[in-house]
């Protein structure tokens, strides 16, 4: 099982690369079971991202890169104005910003 600090370190590197190449990232954070320290072998990696240029291609590229690196399923959420308020509160409560 992966440690939260390993994922955070990788996301820092990924964020730097993406800022330079494709997108401007306002923030990238880890949330969910890894952020809470409750992950198990079945846990996926939950990421929340706010991109300056929000495109499906960009989100898919980020997701695939993280999945390839960690060999684990990744869920990426982008904060939106019309987002489910319960999900947004859950993300805000335990997100680890990188």
Protein backbone atom coordinates (compact mmCIF):
# COMPACT_ATOMS: atom_id res chain seq x y z
CA UNK A 1 0.00 0.00 0.00
CA UNK A 2 1.21 3.50 -0.81
CA UNK A 3 2.02 6.12 1.79
CA UNK A 4 0.29 9.50 1.59
CA UNK A 5 3.66 11.31 1.68
CA UNK A 6 4.86 9.41 -1.40
CA UNK A 7 1.76 10.45 -3.32
CA UNK A 8 2.16 14.06 -2.15
CA UNK A 9 5.77 14.13 -3.33
CA UNK A 10 4.83 12.80 -6.73
CA UNK A 11 1.97 15.29 -7.07
CA UNK A 12 4.39 18.14 -6.28
CA UNK A 13 6.65 17.01 -9.12
CA UNK A 14 3.71 16.46 -11.48
CA UNK A 15 2.31 19.89 -10.65
CA UNK A 16 5.62 21.55 -11.46
CA UNK A 17 5.90 19.74 -14.77
CA UNK A 18 2.34 20.53 -15.81
CA UNK A 19 2.71 24.20 -14.88
CA UNK A 20 5.67 24.44 -17.19
CA UNK A 21 4.26 22.45 -20.10
CA UNK A 22 0.51 22.33 -20.57
CA UNK A 23 -1.63 23.96 -17.94
CA UNK A 24 -1.59 26.43 -15.13
CA UNK A 25 -2.61 24.61 -11.97
CA UNK A 26 -4.15 26.78 -9.29
CA UNK A 27 -4.03 23.85 -6.90
CA UNK A 28 -3.70 20.10 -6.80
CA UNK A 29 -4.57 18.13 -3.69
CA UNK A 30 -4.99 14.66 -2.33
CA UNK A 31 -8.23 13.78 -0.54
CA UNK A 32 -10.12 10.68 0.48
CA UNK A 33 -8.75 7.62 2.23
CA UNK A 34 -5.08 8.36 1.47
CA UNK A 35 -5.37 11.89 2.85
CA UNK A 36 -7.09 10.58 5.97
CA UNK A 37 -4.51 7.81 6.46
CA UNK A 38 -7.22 5.15 6.06
CA UNK A 39 -6.22 3.66 2.69
CA UNK A 40 -6.10 -0.08 2.14
CA UNK A 41 -5.10 -2.30 -0.78
CA UNK A 42 -8.45 -1.64 -2.49
CA UNK A 43 -8.28 2.17 -2.17
CA UNK A 44 -8.06 4.42 -5.19
CA UNK A 45 -6.17 7.71 -5.22
CA UNK A 46 -8.50 10.72 -5.04
CA UNK A 47 -7.19 13.99 -6.49
CA UNK A 48 -8.84 17.40 -6.71
CA UNK A 49 -7.48 19.85 -9.25
CA UNK A 50 -8.21 23.38 -10.37
CA UNK A 51 -6.78 24.08 -13.82
CA UNK A 52 -6.62 27.43 -15.58
CA UNK A 53 -7.38 25.77 -18.91
CA UNK A 54 -9.93 23.15 -18.02
CA UNK A 55 -10.11 20.57 -20.76
CA UNK A 56 -11.08 16.94 -20.68
CA UNK A 57 -7.75 16.16 -22.35
CA UNK A 58 -5.87 17.81 -19.50
CA UNK A 59 -7.74 15.93 -16.81
CA UNK A 60 -7.32 12.62 -18.63
CA UNK A 61 -3.59 13.27 -19.11
CA UNK A 62 -3.12 13.98 -15.39
CA UNK A 63 -5.17 10.92 -14.41
CA UNK A 64 -3.28 8.58 -16.75
CA UNK A 65 0.11 9.87 -15.62
CA UNK A 66 -0.68 9.33 -11.94
CA UNK A 67 -2.20 5.88 -12.61
CA UNK A 68 0.84 4.80 -14.60
CA UNK A 69 3.26 5.99 -11.93
CA UNK A 70 1.46 4.40 -8.96
CA UNK A 71 -0.16 1.43 -10.76
CA UNK A 72 -3.39 2.31 -9.00
CA UNK A 73 -6.82 3.62 -10.02
CA UNK A 74 -7.17 7.42 -9.75
CA UNK A 75 -10.29 9.55 -9.45
CA UNK A 76 -9.86 13.21 -10.40
CA UNK A 77 -12.39 15.82 -9.36
CA UNK A 78 -12.42 19.39 -10.54
CA UNK A 79 -14.05 21.96 -8.27
CA UNK A 80 -16.93 23.65 -10.05
CA UNK A 81 -19.54 26.22 -9.09
CA UNK A 82 -22.37 23.69 -9.42
CA UNK A 83 -20.62 20.88 -7.61
CA UNK A 84 -22.42 18.63 -5.15
CA UNK A 85 -22.08 20.54 -1.87
CA UNK A 86 -21.60 17.39 0.24
CA UNK A 87 -18.71 16.24 -1.95
CA UNK A 88 -17.17 19.70 -1.89
CA UNK A 89 -17.34 19.83 1.93
CA UNK A 90 -15.83 16.35 2.19
CA UNK A 91 -12.97 17.37 -0.09
CA UNK A 92 -12.35 20.61 1.83
CA UNK A 93 -12.40 18.79 5.17
CA UNK A 94 -9.54 16.38 4.46
CA UNK A 95 -7.68 17.67 1.39
CA UNK A 96 -3.90 17.84 1.53
CA UNK A 97 -2.80 20.62 -0.84
CA UNK A 98 0.49 20.23 -2.69
